[in-house]
PDB file of N, CA and C in Angstrom:
ATOM      1  N   MET A   1     -26.038  30.097  -3.672  1.00  0.00           N
ATOM      2  CA  MET A   1     -24.905  30.469  -2.863  1.00  0.00           C
ATOM      3  C   MET A   1     -25.054  29.938  -1.446  1.00  0.00           C
ATOM      4  N   ALA A   2     -26.260  29.877  -0.934  1.00  0.00           N
ATOM      5  CA  ALA A   2     -26.484  29.369   0.418  1.00  0.00           C
ATOM      6  C   ALA A   2     -26.103  27.903   0.520  1.00  0.00           C
ATOM      7  N   SER A   3     -26.360  27.139  -0.542  1.00  0.00           N
ATOM      8  CA  SER A   3     -26.005  25.723  -0.499  1.00  0.00           C
ATOM      9  C   SER A   3     -24.497  25.535  -0.477  1.00  0.00           C
ATOM     10  N   ARG A   4     -23.785  26.431  -1.153  1.00  0.00           N
ATOM     11  CA  ARG A   4     -22.324  26.342  -1.159  1.00  0.00           C
ATOM     12  C   ARG A   4     -21.761  26.619   0.236  1.00  0.00           C
ATOM     13  N   VAL A   5     -22.287  27.584   0.926  1.00  0.00           N
ATOM     14  CA  VAL A   5     -21.843  27.903   2.285  1.00  0.00           C
ATOM     15  C   VAL A   5     -22.175  26.755   3.220  1.00  0.00           C
ATOM     16  N   ARG A   6     -23.353  26.181   3.053  1.00  0.00           N
ATOM     17  CA  ARG A   6     -23.763  25.075   3.915  1.00  0.00           C
ATOM     18  C   ARG A   6     -22.869  23.852   3.706  1.00  0.00           C
ATOM     19  N   ALA A   7     -22.533  23.549   2.454  1.00  0.00           N
ATOM     20  CA  ALA A   7     -21.662  22.409   2.179  1.00  0.00           C
ATOM     21  C   ALA A   7     -20.282  22.624   2.793  1.00  0.00           C
ATOM     22  N   THR A   8     -19.781  23.827   2.705  1.00  0.00           N
ATOM     23  CA  THR A   8     -18.483  24.126   3.303  1.00  0.00           C
ATOM     24  C   THR A   8     -18.552  23.998   4.814  1.00  0.00           C
ATOM     25  N   GLY A   9     -19.645  24.473   5.403  1.00  0.00           N
ATOM     26  CA  GLY A   9     -19.814  24.354   6.843  1.00  0.00           C
ATOM     27  C   GLY A   9     -19.858  22.911   7.283  1.00  0.00           C
ATOM     28  N   THR A  10     -20.523  22.059   6.533  1.00  0.00           N
ATOM     29  CA  THR A  10     -20.584  20.633   6.851  1.00  0.00           C
ATOM     30  C   THR A  10     -19.197  20.005   6.767  1.00  0.00           C
ATOM     31  N   ASN A  11     -18.424  20.403   5.762  1.00  0.00           N
ATOM     32  CA  ASN A  11     -17.070  19.867   5.634  1.00  0.00           C
ATOM     33  C   ASN A  11     -16.193  20.294   6.808  1.00  0.00           C
ATOM     34  N   PHE A  12     -16.376  21.509   7.291  1.00  0.00           N
ATOM     35  CA  PHE A  12     -15.603  21.973   8.440  1.00  0.00           C
ATOM     36  C   PHE A  12     -15.988  21.196   9.695  1.00  0.00           C
ATOM     37  N   ILE A  13     -17.265  20.901   9.835  1.00  0.00           N
ATOM     38  CA  ILE A  13     -17.711  20.126  10.989  1.00  0.00           C
ATOM     39  C   ILE A  13     -17.122  18.725  10.937  1.00  0.00           C
ATOM     40  N   LEU A  14     -17.163  18.109   9.766  1.00  0.00           N
ATOM     41  CA  LEU A  14     -16.595  16.769   9.606  1.00  0.00           C
ATOM     42  C   LEU A  14     -15.088  16.786   9.837  1.00  0.00           C
ATOM     43  N   ALA A  15     -14.416  17.791   9.297  1.00  0.00           N
ATOM     44  CA  ALA A  15     -12.967  17.894   9.492  1.00  0.00           C
ATOM     45  C   ALA A  15     -12.627  18.105  10.965  1.00  0.00           C
ATOM     46  N   SER A  16     -13.419  18.894  11.648  1.00  0.00           N
ATOM     47  CA  SER A  16     -13.181  19.119  13.083  1.00  0.00           C
ATOM     48  C   SER A  16     -13.392  17.845  13.878  1.00  0.00           C
ATOM     49  N   LEU A  17     -14.422  17.086  13.527  1.00  0.00           N
ATOM     50  CA  LEU A  17     -14.680  15.816  14.206  1.00  0.00           C
ATOM     51  C   LEU A  17     -13.534  14.836  13.988  1.00  0.00           C
ATOM     52  N   LEU A  18     -13.081  14.722  12.746  1.00  0.00           N
ATOM     53  CA  LEU A  18     -11.976  13.806  12.454  1.00  0.00           C
ATOM     54  C   LEU A  18     -10.686  14.257  13.143  1.00  0.00           C
ATOM     55  N   ALA A  19     -10.449  15.548  13.193  1.00  0.00           N
ATOM     56  CA  ALA A  19      -9.252  16.057  13.871  1.00  0.00           C
ATOM     57  C   ALA A  19      -9.309  15.752  15.366  1.00  0.00           C
ATOM     58  N   THR A  20     -10.483  15.887  15.954  1.00  0.00           N
ATOM     59  CA  THR A  20     -10.638  15.574  17.374  1.00  0.00           C
ATOM     60  C   THR A  20     -10.430  14.093  17.626  1.00  0.00           C
ATOM     61  N   LEU A  21     -10.978  13.261  16.766  1.00  0.00           N
ATOM     62  CA  LEU A  21     -10.836  11.812  16.941  1.00  0.00           C
ATOM     63  C   LEU A  21      -9.388  11.352  16.801  1.00  0.00           C
ATOM     64  N   SER A  22      -8.580  12.086  16.060  1.00  0.00           N
ATOM     65  CA  SER A  22      -7.191  11.668  15.875  1.00  0.00           C
ATOM     66  C   SER A  22      -6.373  11.805  17.154  1.00  0.00           C
ATOM     67  N   TYR A  23      -6.854  12.603  18.116  1.00  0.00           N
ATOM     68  CA  TYR A  23      -6.133  12.776  19.378  1.00  0.00           C
ATOM     69  C   TYR A  23      -6.622  11.842  20.487  1.00  0.00           C
ATOM     70  N   LEU A  24      -7.693  11.113  20.231  1.00  0.00           N
ATOM     71  CA  LEU A  24      -8.243  10.212  21.237  1.00  0.00           C
ATOM     72  C   LEU A  24      -7.582   8.838  21.140  1.00  0.00           C
ATOM     73  N   PRO A  25      -7.632   8.049  22.203  1.00  0.00           N
ATOM     74  CA  PRO A  25      -7.078   6.695  22.155  1.00  0.00           C
ATOM     75  C   PRO A  25      -7.811   5.829  21.117  1.00  0.00           C
ATOM     76  N   PHE A  26      -7.079   4.886  20.559  1.00  0.00           N
ATOM     77  CA  PHE A  26      -7.618   4.044  19.488  1.00  0.00           C
ATOM     78  C   PHE A  26      -8.874   3.298  19.918  1.00  0.00           C
ATOM     79  N   GLN A  27      -8.868   2.737  21.103  1.00  0.00           N
ATOM     80  CA  GLN A  27     -10.019   1.943  21.539  1.00  0.00           C
ATOM     81  C   GLN A  27     -11.282   2.781  21.638  1.00  0.00           C
ATOM     82  N   LEU A  28     -11.160   4.007  22.099  1.00  0.00           N
ATOM     83  CA  LEU A  28     -12.312   4.892  22.200  1.00  0.00           C
ATOM     84  C   LEU A  28     -12.861   5.237  20.813  1.00  0.00           C
ATOM     85  N   VAL A  29     -11.972   5.512  19.882  1.00  0.00           N
ATOM     86  CA  VAL A  29     -12.397   5.827  18.512  1.00  0.00           C
ATOM     87  C   VAL A  29     -13.046   4.609  17.865  1.00  0.00           C
ATOM     88  N   ALA A  30     -12.480   3.427  18.088  1.00  0.00           N
ATOM     89  CA  ALA A  30     -13.062   2.204  17.517  1.00  0.00           C
ATOM     90  C   ALA A  30     -14.458   1.948  18.088  1.00  0.00           C
ATOM     91  N   GLN A  31     -14.627   2.137  19.377  1.00  0.00           N
ATOM     92  CA  GLN A  31     -15.944   1.940  19.986  1.00  0.00           C
ATOM     93  C   GLN A  31     -16.950   2.957  19.457  1.00  0.00           C
ATOM     94  N   PHE A  32     -16.525   4.204  19.332  1.00  0.00           N
ATOM     95  CA  PHE A  32     -17.389   5.245  18.784  1.00  0.00           C
ATOM     96  C   PHE A  32     -17.803   4.910  17.356  1.00  0.00           C
ATOM     97  N   THR A  33     -16.859   4.448  16.557  1.00  0.00           N
ATOM     98  CA  THR A  33     -17.151   4.079  15.169  1.00  0.00           C
ATOM     99  C   THR A  33     -18.143   2.929  15.111  1.00  0.00           C
ATOM    100  N   LEU A  34     -17.959   1.937  15.952  1.00  0.00           N
ATOM    101  CA  LEU A  34     -18.879   0.802  15.960  1.00  0.00           C
ATOM    102  C   LEU A  34     -20.283   1.229  16.382  1.00  0.00           C
ATOM    103  N   ILE A  35     -20.379   2.122  17.357  1.00  0.00           N
ATOM    104  CA  ILE A  35     -21.693   2.606  17.796  1.00  0.00           C
ATOM    105  C   ILE A  35     -22.382   3.364  16.663  1.00  0.00           C
ATOM    106  N   VAL A  36     -21.632   4.222  15.964  1.00  0.00           N
ATOM    107  CA  VAL A  36     -22.207   4.964  14.846  1.00  0.00           C
ATOM    108  C   VAL A  36     -22.665   4.004  13.748  1.00  0.00           C
ATOM    109  N   CYS A  37     -21.871   2.976  13.464  1.00  0.00           N
ATOM    110  CA  CYS A  37     -22.238   2.018  12.428  1.00  0.00           C
ATOM    111  C   CYS A  37     -23.492   1.234  12.815  1.00  0.00           C
ATOM    112  N   VAL A  38     -23.592   0.835  14.063  1.00  0.00           N
ATOM    113  CA  VAL A  38     -24.782   0.106  14.512  1.00  0.00           C
ATOM    114  C   VAL A  38     -26.017   1.000  14.428  1.00  0.00           C
ATOM    115  N   LEU A  39     -25.881   2.242  14.880  1.00  0.00           N
ATOM    116  CA  LEU A  39     -27.009   3.173  14.793  1.00  0.00           C
ATOM    117  C   LEU A  39     -27.426   3.409  13.347  1.00  0.00           C
ATOM    118  N   LEU A  40     -26.462   3.577  12.479  1.00  0.00           N
ATOM    119  CA  LEU A  40     -26.756   3.778  11.066  1.00  0.00           C
ATOM    120  C   LEU A  40     -27.433   2.553  10.475  1.00  0.00           C
ATOM    121  N   PHE A  41     -26.987   1.381  10.862  1.00  0.00           N
ATOM    122  CA  PHE A  41     -27.579   0.151  10.344  1.00  0.00           C
ATOM    123  C   PHE A  41     -29.021   0.003  10.802  1.00  0.00           C
ATOM    124  N   VAL A  42     -29.301   0.326  12.051  1.00  0.00           N
ATOM    125  CA  VAL A  42     -30.645   0.137  12.607  1.00  0.00           C
ATOM    126  C   VAL A  42     -31.598   1.242  12.159  1.00  0.00           C
ATOM    127  N   VAL A  43     -31.152   2.488  12.220  1.00  0.00           N
ATOM    128  CA  VAL A  43     -32.035   3.624  11.981  1.00  0.00           C
ATOM    129  C   VAL A  43     -32.306   3.856  10.496  1.00  0.00           C
ATOM    130  N   ASP A  44     -31.301   3.760   9.661  1.00  0.00           N
ATOM    131  CA  ASP A  44     -31.447   4.088   8.243  1.00  0.00           C
ATOM    132  C   ASP A  44     -31.849   2.840   7.454  1.00  0.00           C
ATOM    133  N   PRO A  45     -33.017   2.849   6.831  1.00  0.00           N
ATOM    134  CA  PRO A  45     -33.508   1.639   6.158  1.00  0.00           C
ATOM    135  C   PRO A  45     -32.934   1.405   4.763  1.00  0.00           C
ATOM    136  N   PHE A  46     -32.123   2.316   4.244  1.00  0.00           N
ATOM    137  CA  PHE A  46     -31.633   2.159   2.883  1.00  0.00           C
ATOM    138  C   PHE A  46     -30.513   1.129   2.820  1.00  0.00           C
ATOM    139  N   PRO A  47     -30.549   0.262   1.811  1.00  0.00           N
ATOM    140  CA  PRO A  47     -29.516  -0.795   1.709  1.00  0.00           C
ATOM    141  C   PRO A  47     -28.101  -0.244   1.578  1.00  0.00           C
ATOM    142  N   THR A  48     -27.937   0.878   0.910  1.00  0.00           N
ATOM    143  CA  THR A  48     -26.590   1.432   0.731  1.00  0.00           C
ATOM    144  C   THR A  48     -25.981   1.832   2.071  1.00  0.00           C
ATOM    145  N   SER A  49     -26.765   2.478   2.913  1.00  0.00           N
ATOM    146  CA  SER A  49     -26.223   2.885   4.210  1.00  0.00           C
ATOM    147  C   SER A  49     -25.935   1.675   5.084  1.00  0.00           C
ATOM    148  N   ARG A  50     -26.708   0.623   4.927  1.00  0.00           N
ATOM    149  CA  ARG A  50     -26.423  -0.604   5.683  1.00  0.00           C
ATOM    150  C   ARG A  50     -25.126  -1.241   5.212  1.00  0.00           C
ATOM    151  N   LEU A  51     -24.876  -1.186   3.905  1.00  0.00           N
ATOM    152  CA  LEU A  51     -23.602  -1.701   3.395  1.00  0.00           C
ATOM    153  C   LEU A  51     -22.430  -0.872   3.920  1.00  0.00           C
ATOM    154  N   VAL A  52     -22.629   0.438   3.990  1.00  0.00           N
ATOM    155  CA  VAL A  52     -21.583   1.313   4.534  1.00  0.00           C
ATOM    156  C   VAL A  52     -21.329   0.970   6.000  1.00  0.00           C
ATOM    157  N   SER A  53     -22.396   0.670   6.744  1.00  0.00           N
ATOM    158  CA  SER A  53     -22.247   0.295   8.156  1.00  0.00           C
ATOM    159  C   SER A  53     -21.456  -0.995   8.302  1.00  0.00           C
ATOM    160  N   VAL A  54     -21.794  -1.986   7.506  1.00  0.00           N
ATOM    161  CA  VAL A  54     -21.080  -3.264   7.567  1.00  0.00           C
ATOM    162  C   VAL A  54     -19.627  -3.073   7.152  1.00  0.00           C
ATOM    163  N   ALA A  55     -19.395  -2.261   6.130  1.00  0.00           N
ATOM    164  CA  ALA A  55     -18.015  -1.984   5.708  1.00  0.00           C
ATOM    165  C   ALA A  55     -17.252  -1.262   6.812  1.00  0.00           C
ATOM    166  N   GLY A  56     -17.902  -0.344   7.505  1.00  0.00           N
ATOM    167  CA  GLY A  56     -17.244   0.361   8.615  1.00  0.00           C
ATOM    168  C   GLY A  56     -16.838  -0.582   9.725  1.00  0.00           C
ATOM    169  N   VAL A  57     -17.729  -1.511  10.050  1.00  0.00           N
ATOM    170  CA  VAL A  57     -17.404  -2.502  11.080  1.00  0.00           C
ATOM    171  C   VAL A  57     -16.247  -3.381  10.618  1.00  0.00           C
ATOM    172  N   ALA A  58     -16.247  -3.767   9.346  1.00  0.00           N
ATOM    173  CA  ALA A  58     -15.156  -4.594   8.816  1.00  0.00           C
ATOM    174  C   ALA A  58     -13.822  -3.852   8.869  1.00  0.00           C
ATOM    175  N   VAL A  59     -13.842  -2.573   8.558  1.00  0.00           N
ATOM    176  CA  VAL A  59     -12.606  -1.776   8.605  1.00  0.00           C
ATOM    177  C   VAL A  59     -12.090  -1.674  10.038  1.00  0.00           C
ATOM    178  N   VAL A  60     -12.985  -1.411  10.985  1.00  0.00           N
ATOM    179  CA  VAL A  60     -12.568  -1.322  12.385  1.00  0.00           C
ATOM    180  C   VAL A  60     -12.006  -2.659  12.857  1.00  0.00           C
ATOM    181  N   LEU A  61     -12.637  -3.746  12.461  1.00  0.00           N
ATOM    182  CA  LEU A  61     -12.143  -5.076  12.836  1.00  0.00           C
ATOM    183  C   LEU A  61     -10.755  -5.333  12.251  1.00  0.00           C
ATOM    184  N   ALA A  62     -10.564  -4.979  10.991  1.00  0.00           N
ATOM    185  CA  ALA A  62      -9.259  -5.188  10.351  1.00  0.00           C
ATOM    186  C   ALA A  62      -8.175  -4.335  11.015  1.00  0.00           C
ATOM    187  N   ILE A  63      -8.495  -3.096  11.322  1.00  0.00           N
ATOM    188  CA  ILE A  63      -7.507  -2.220  11.970  1.00  0.00           C
ATOM    189  C   ILE A  63      -7.187  -2.732  13.370  1.00  0.00           C
ATOM    190  N   THR A  64      -8.189  -3.214  14.083  1.00  0.00           N
ATOM    191  CA  THR A  64      -7.964  -3.746  15.430  1.00  0.00           C
ATOM    192  C   THR A  64      -7.065  -4.972  15.389  1.00  0.00           C
ATOM    193  N   LYS A  65      -7.322  -5.876  14.444  1.00  0.00           N
ATOM    194  CA  LYS A  65      -6.471  -7.063  14.325  1.00  0.00           C
ATOM    195  C   LYS A  65      -5.042  -6.682  13.951  1.00  0.00           C
ATOM    196  N   ALA A  66      -4.894  -5.740  13.038  1.00  0.00           N
ATOM    197  CA  ALA A  66      -3.550  -5.300  12.639  1.00  0.00           C
ATOM    198  C   ALA A  66      -2.823  -4.653  13.817  1.00  0.00           C
ATOM    199  N   ARG A  67      -3.536  -3.872  14.597  1.00  0.00           N
ATOM    200  CA  ARG A  67      -2.937  -3.223  15.771  1.00  0.00           C
ATOM    201  C   ARG A  67      -2.495  -4.267  16.802  1.00  0.00           C
ATOM    202  N   GLN A  68      -3.348  -5.247  17.061  1.00  0.00           N
ATOM    203  CA  GLN A  68      -2.975  -6.299  18.018  1.00  0.00           C
ATOM    204  C   GLN A  68      -1.761  -7.070  17.525  1.00  0.00           C
ATOM    205  N   HIS A  69      -1.729  -7.374  16.237  1.00  0.00           N
ATOM    206  CA  HIS A  69      -0.600  -8.103  15.663  1.00  0.00           C
ATOM    207  C   HIS A  69       0.686  -7.277  15.804  1.00  0.00           C
ATOM    208  N   PHE A  70       0.591  -5.979  15.526  1.00  0.00           N
ATOM    209  CA  PHE A  70       1.749  -5.100  15.653  1.00  0.00           C
ATOM    210  C   PHE A  70       2.230  -5.029  17.094  1.00  0.00           C
ATOM    211  N   LEU A  71       1.304  -4.923  18.045  1.00  0.00           N
ATOM    212  CA  LEU A  71       1.693  -4.853  19.455  1.00  0.00           C
ATOM    213  C   LEU A  71       2.364  -6.148  19.913  1.00  0.00           C
ATOM    214  N   ILE A  72       1.878  -7.288  19.430  1.00  0.00           N
ATOM    215  CA  ILE A  72       2.496  -8.573  19.779  1.00  0.00           C
ATOM    216  C   ILE A  72       3.899  -8.648  19.199  1.00  0.00           C
ATOM    217  N   LEU A  73       4.060  -8.249  17.941  1.00  0.00           N
ATOM    218  CA  LEU A  73       5.393  -8.255  17.328  1.00  0.00           C
ATOM    219  C   LEU A  73       6.346  -7.322  18.071  1.00  0.00           C
ATOM    220  N   GLU A  74       5.849  -6.163  18.450  1.00  0.00           N
ATOM    221  CA  GLU A  74       6.678  -5.205  19.171  1.00  0.00           C
ATOM    222  C   GLU A  74       7.107  -5.763  20.529  1.00  0.00           C
ATOM    223  N   ALA A  75       6.188  -6.429  21.233  1.00  0.00           N
ATOM    224  CA  ALA A  75       6.518  -7.024  22.523  1.00  0.00           C
ATOM    225  C   ALA A  75       7.536  -8.147  22.358  1.00  0.00           C
ATOM    226  N   ASN A  76       7.389  -8.947  21.311  1.00  0.00           N
ATOM    227  CA  ASN A  76       8.334 -10.035  21.059  1.00  0.00           C
ATOM    228  C   ASN A  76       9.722  -9.500  20.739  1.00  0.00           C
ATOM    229  N   GLU A  77       9.792  -8.399  19.977  1.00  0.00           N
ATOM    230  CA  GLU A  77      11.091  -7.807  19.655  1.00  0.00           C
ATOM    231  C   GLU A  77      11.773  -7.269  20.904  1.00  0.00           C
ATOM    232  N   GLU A  78      10.990  -6.627  21.769  1.00  0.00           N
ATOM    233  CA  GLU A  78      11.563  -6.107  23.014  1.00  0.00           C
ATOM    234  C   GLU A  78      12.066  -7.243  23.896  1.00  0.00           C
ATOM    235  N   GLU A  79      11.302  -8.314  23.971  1.00  0.00           N
ATOM    236  CA  GLU A  79      11.719  -9.463  24.770  1.00  0.00           C
ATOM    237  C   GLU A  79      12.989 -10.085  24.211  1.00  0.00           C
ATOM    238  N   LEU A  80      13.081 -10.185  22.893  1.00  0.00           N
ATOM    239  CA  LEU A  80      14.269 -10.741  22.262  1.00  0.00           C
ATOM    240  C   LEU A  80      15.486  -9.852  22.524  1.00  0.00           C
ATOM    241  N   GLN A  81      15.311  -8.550  22.461  1.00  0.00           N
ATOM    242  CA  GLN A  81      16.423  -7.639  22.745  1.00  0.00           C
ATOM    243  C   GLN A  81      16.881  -7.753  24.193  1.00  0.00           C
ATOM    244  N   GLN A  82      15.941  -7.909  25.116  1.00  0.00           N
ATOM    245  CA  GLN A  82      16.301  -8.074  26.514  1.00  0.00           C
ATOM    246  C   GLN A  82      17.061  -9.378  26.728  1.00  0.00           C
ATOM    247  N   GLN A  83      16.635 -10.435  26.063  1.00  0.00           N
ATOM    248  CA  GLN A  83      17.330 -11.715  26.188  1.00  0.00           C
ATOM    249  C   GLN A  83      18.740 -11.608  25.627  1.00  0.00           C
ATOM    250  N   GLN A  84      18.892 -10.933  24.489  1.00  0.00           N
ATOM    251  CA  GLN A  84      20.218 -10.774  23.903  1.00  0.00           C
ATOM    252  C   GLN A  84      21.124  -9.940  24.803  1.00  0.00           C
ATOM    253  N   GLN A  85      20.555  -8.917  25.424  1.00  0.00           N
ATOM    254  CA  GLN A  85      21.350  -8.097  26.330  1.00  0.00           C
ATOM    255  C   GLN A  85      21.782  -8.895  27.557  1.00  0.00           C
ATOM    256  N   SER A  86      20.885  -9.733  28.081  1.00  0.00           N
ATOM    257  CA  SER A  86      21.255 -10.535  29.250  1.00  0.00           C
ATOM    258  C   SER A  86      22.295 -11.588  28.873  1.00  0.00           C
ATOM    259  N   VAL A  87      22.188 -12.166  27.684  1.00  0.00           N
ATOM    260  CA  VAL A  87      23.190 -13.145  27.229  1.00  0.00           C
ATOM    261  C   VAL A  87      24.529 -12.451  27.042  1.00  0.00           C
ATOM    262  N   ASN A  88      24.520 -11.278  26.450  1.00  0.00           N
ATOM    263  CA  ASN A  88      25.762 -10.536  26.257  1.00  0.00           C
ATOM    264  C   ASN A  88      26.382 -10.126  27.592  1.00  0.00           C
ATOM    265  N   ALA A  89      25.544  -9.767  28.565  1.00  0.00           N
ATOM    266  CA  ALA A  89      26.053  -9.379  29.875  1.00  0.00           C
ATOM    267  C   ALA A  89      26.680 -10.571  30.586  1.00  0.00           C
ATOM    268  N   THR A  90      26.044 -11.743  30.508  1.00  0.00           N
ATOM    269  CA  THR A  90      26.615 -12.924  31.156  1.00  0.00           C
ATOM    270  C   THR A  90      27.880 -13.380  30.421  1.00  0.00           C
ATOM    271  N   HIS A  91      27.892 -13.203  29.107  1.00  0.00           N
ATOM    272  CA  HIS A  91      29.080 -13.573  28.334  1.00  0.00           C
ATOM    273  C   HIS A  91      30.256 -12.639  28.687  1.00  0.00           C
ATOM    274  N   ASP A  92      29.965 -11.365  28.862  1.00  0.00           N
ATOM    275  CA  ASP A  92      31.002 -10.401  29.247  1.00  0.00           C
ATOM    276  C   ASP A  92      31.520 -10.697  30.664  1.00  0.00           C
ATOM    277  N   ASP A  93      30.636 -11.121  31.570  1.00  0.00           N
ATOM    278  CA  ASP A  93      31.040 -11.458  32.932  1.00  0.00           C
ATOM    279  C   ASP A  93      31.954 -12.673  32.953  1.00  0.00           C
ATOM    280  N   LYS A  94      31.670 -13.641  32.090  1.00  0.00           N
ATOM    281  CA  LYS A  94      32.476 -14.850  32.045  1.00  0.00           C
ATOM    282  C   LYS A  94      33.849 -14.598  31.463  1.00  0.00           C
ATOM    283  N   SER A  95      33.925 -13.662  30.507  1.00  0.00           N
ATOM    284  CA  SER A  95      35.221 -13.400  29.878  1.00  0.00           C
ATOM    285  C   SER A  95      36.135 -12.555  30.770  1.00  0.00           C
ATOM    286  N   ASP A  96      35.575 -11.896  31.795  1.00  0.00           N
ATOM    287  CA  ASP A  96      36.386 -11.100  32.714  1.00  0.00           C
ATOM    288  C   ASP A  96      37.100 -11.984  33.638  1.00  0.00           C
TER     289      ASP A  96
END
């Protein structure tokens, strides 16, 4: 029974950590994840944990690239909308 309580307690700690990380800025969470992965890779000598560390770094890299791509697309859409609004405004001025 003690092991069951301990496992539940560990899950609550992990859930609390993940809930806290969800409110932090993306860059801070990515840096924290990379630090944990590097520490896990260096400190833990087991090959499985090293693979998990490398996979964690790969996931953070993929999410970072996707985020940058999304931000660039969003900026381009805003710029295009501003250009269309300025063209429409000049077109409306000319027709008056």
